[in-house]
Protein backbone atom coordinates (compact mmCIF):
# COMPACT_ATOMS: atom_id res chain seq x y z
CA MET A 1 20.86 18.25 15.16
CA LYS A 2 20.84 19.16 11.46
CA ILE A 3 19.80 16.76 8.70
CA VAL A 4 20.47 17.26 4.99
CA VAL A 5 17.97 15.60 2.67
CA GLY A 6 18.77 15.13 -1.01
CA TYR A 7 15.33 15.71 -2.53
CA LYS A 8 14.15 15.25 -6.13
CA GLY A 9 10.40 15.11 -5.64
CA THR A 10 10.08 11.54 -6.96
CA ASN A 11 8.35 8.54 -5.39
CA VAL A 12 11.57 7.74 -3.55
CA GLY A 13 11.49 11.37 -2.44
CA GLN A 14 8.28 10.71 -0.54
CA ASP A 15 9.92 7.83 1.33
CA ILE A 16 12.88 10.09 2.09
CA LEU A 17 10.54 12.76 3.47
CA GLN A 18 8.89 10.22 5.76
CA LEU A 19 12.25 9.07 7.12
CA ALA A 20 13.47 12.66 7.52
CA LEU A 21 10.27 13.47 9.41
CA LYS A 22 10.82 10.53 11.79
CA HIS A 23 14.47 11.44 12.38
CA ALA A 24 13.69 15.13 12.84
CA LYS A 25 11.03 14.41 15.45
CA ALA A 26 13.15 11.80 17.24
CA PHE A 27 16.22 14.05 17.44
CA ASP A 28 14.54 17.47 17.50
CA ALA A 29 16.42 18.23 14.29
CA LYS A 30 16.24 20.89 11.63
CA VAL A 31 15.92 19.54 8.07
CA PHE A 32 17.64 21.09 5.06
CA LEU A 33 15.90 19.97 1.86
CA ILE A 34 18.38 20.18 -1.01
CA THR A 35 17.78 19.84 -4.74
CA SER A 36 20.81 20.13 -7.00
CA LEU A 37 20.65 20.99 -10.69
CA ALA A 38 23.61 21.19 -13.07
CA GLY A 39 22.89 24.68 -14.38
CA GLY A 40 23.89 26.26 -17.67
CA GLU A 41 22.63 24.67 -20.87
CA LYS A 42 21.94 21.40 -19.04
CA THR A 43 19.12 22.92 -17.00
CA THR A 44 15.88 24.32 -18.42
CA ARG A 45 13.67 26.97 -16.85
CA GLU A 46 10.96 24.29 -16.54
CA GLN A 47 13.30 22.08 -14.49
CA VAL A 48 14.06 24.99 -12.18
CA THR A 49 10.37 25.81 -11.75
CA GLU A 50 9.50 22.16 -11.09
CA ALA A 51 12.32 21.84 -8.54
CA GLU A 52 11.18 25.02 -6.76
CA GLU A 53 7.59 23.74 -6.61
CA ASN A 54 8.66 20.31 -5.32
CA LEU A 55 10.85 21.87 -2.64
CA LYS A 56 8.06 24.20 -1.54
CA LYS A 57 5.60 21.30 -1.21
CA ALA A 58 8.12 19.25 0.76
CA GLY A 59 9.00 22.18 3.01
CA ASP A 60 5.33 22.97 3.62
CA TYR A 61 4.69 19.31 4.49
CA LEU A 62 7.47 19.29 7.10
CA THR A 63 6.33 22.65 8.48
CA ASN A 64 2.76 21.34 8.84
CA GLU A 65 4.19 18.34 10.72
CA GLY A 66 5.98 20.69 13.12
CA VAL A 67 9.51 20.21 11.75
CA SER A 68 11.83 23.17 11.32
CA ASN A 69 13.22 23.20 7.78
CA GLN A 70 14.85 25.18 5.02
CA THR A 71 14.76 24.50 1.29
CA HIS A 72 17.71 25.10 -1.00
CA LEU A 73 17.85 24.80 -4.78
CA LEU A 74 21.53 24.59 -5.68
CA ILE A 75 22.50 25.44 -9.25
CA GLN A 76 26.24 25.83 -8.98
CA GLY A 77 27.68 23.69 -11.75
CA ARG A 78 28.60 20.87 -9.40
CA SER A 79 27.29 17.32 -9.29
CA PRO A 80 24.45 16.58 -6.86
CA GLY A 81 26.85 14.54 -4.72
CA GLU A 82 29.31 17.42 -4.49
CA ASP A 83 26.50 19.83 -3.62
CA LEU A 84 25.17 17.60 -0.82
CA VAL A 85 28.57 16.89 0.71
CA THR A 86 29.68 20.53 0.49
CA PHE A 87 26.42 21.87 1.93
CA ALA A 88 26.52 19.39 4.82
CA ALA A 89 30.11 20.28 5.67
CA GLU A 90 29.65 24.05 5.35
CA ASN A 91 26.56 23.97 7.57
CA ASN A 92 27.93 21.53 10.17
CA CYS A 93 25.16 19.04 9.50
CA ASP A 94 25.00 15.80 11.45
CA SER A 95 23.42 13.46 8.91
CA ILE A 96 22.53 13.10 5.23
CA ILE A 97 19.54 11.19 3.87
CA LEU A 98 19.30 10.38 0.16
CA GLY A 99 17.70 7.92 -2.21
CA VAL A 100 19.43 5.11 -4.03
CA LYS A 101 18.45 3.04 -7.02
CA SER A 102 20.15 0.03 -8.49
CA ARG A 103 20.18 -0.82 -12.15
CA SER A 104 22.04 -4.14 -12.17
CA LYS A 105 23.78 -6.62 -9.91
CA VAL A 106 26.86 -4.42 -9.97
CA GLY A 107 24.67 -1.39 -9.35
CA LYS A 108 23.40 -2.99 -6.17
CA ILE A 109 26.95 -2.95 -4.85
CA LEU A 110 27.98 0.44 -6.19
CA PHE A 111 24.68 2.34 -5.80
CA GLY A 112 24.27 5.33 -8.08
CA SER A 113 27.07 7.75 -8.68
CA THR A 114 25.51 10.40 -6.41
CA ALA A 115 24.95 8.00 -3.53
CA GLN A 116 28.39 6.49 -3.92
CA PHE A 117 30.04 9.93 -3.91
CA VAL A 118 28.11 11.04 -0.82
CA ILE A 119 28.73 7.82 1.11
CA LEU A 120 32.46 7.94 0.41
CA ARG A 121 33.01 11.70 0.87
CA ALA A 122 30.58 12.91 3.53
CA HIS A 123 31.98 13.94 6.91
CA CYS A 124 28.84 12.65 8.65
CA PRO A 125 26.67 9.50 8.65
CA VAL A 126 24.66 8.86 5.47
CA THR A 127 21.31 7.07 5.42
CA THR A 128 20.08 5.70 2.10
CA VAL A 129 16.48 4.99 1.14
CA LYS A 130 15.48 2.72 -1.72
């Protein structure tokens, strides 16, 4: 089994890592930790460095817990949702885990734009963590 994890390195990211760890151990799965940045003028060198550091810490954590994993920093000019869905499809992944946040009553129904895109477009099951 292969699990894609949309990872930002935030507090929600820690909850996502815990869930990914549980799923990986339960299903003997490999985890692909993905961070997506816009690129170009929208992305600073500091953001890239921070993302690389966060991914390394997360990957090291999973490795220390005995979970096979790969980290990927995607800077391809696509939205995070597009990056996650495309990566999952191209790598024949079985599941996607990502965080959601709601900003209003409507937001609770619609989720964020990334989560909504992934839920509606992914070829595989999507698990959300709040």
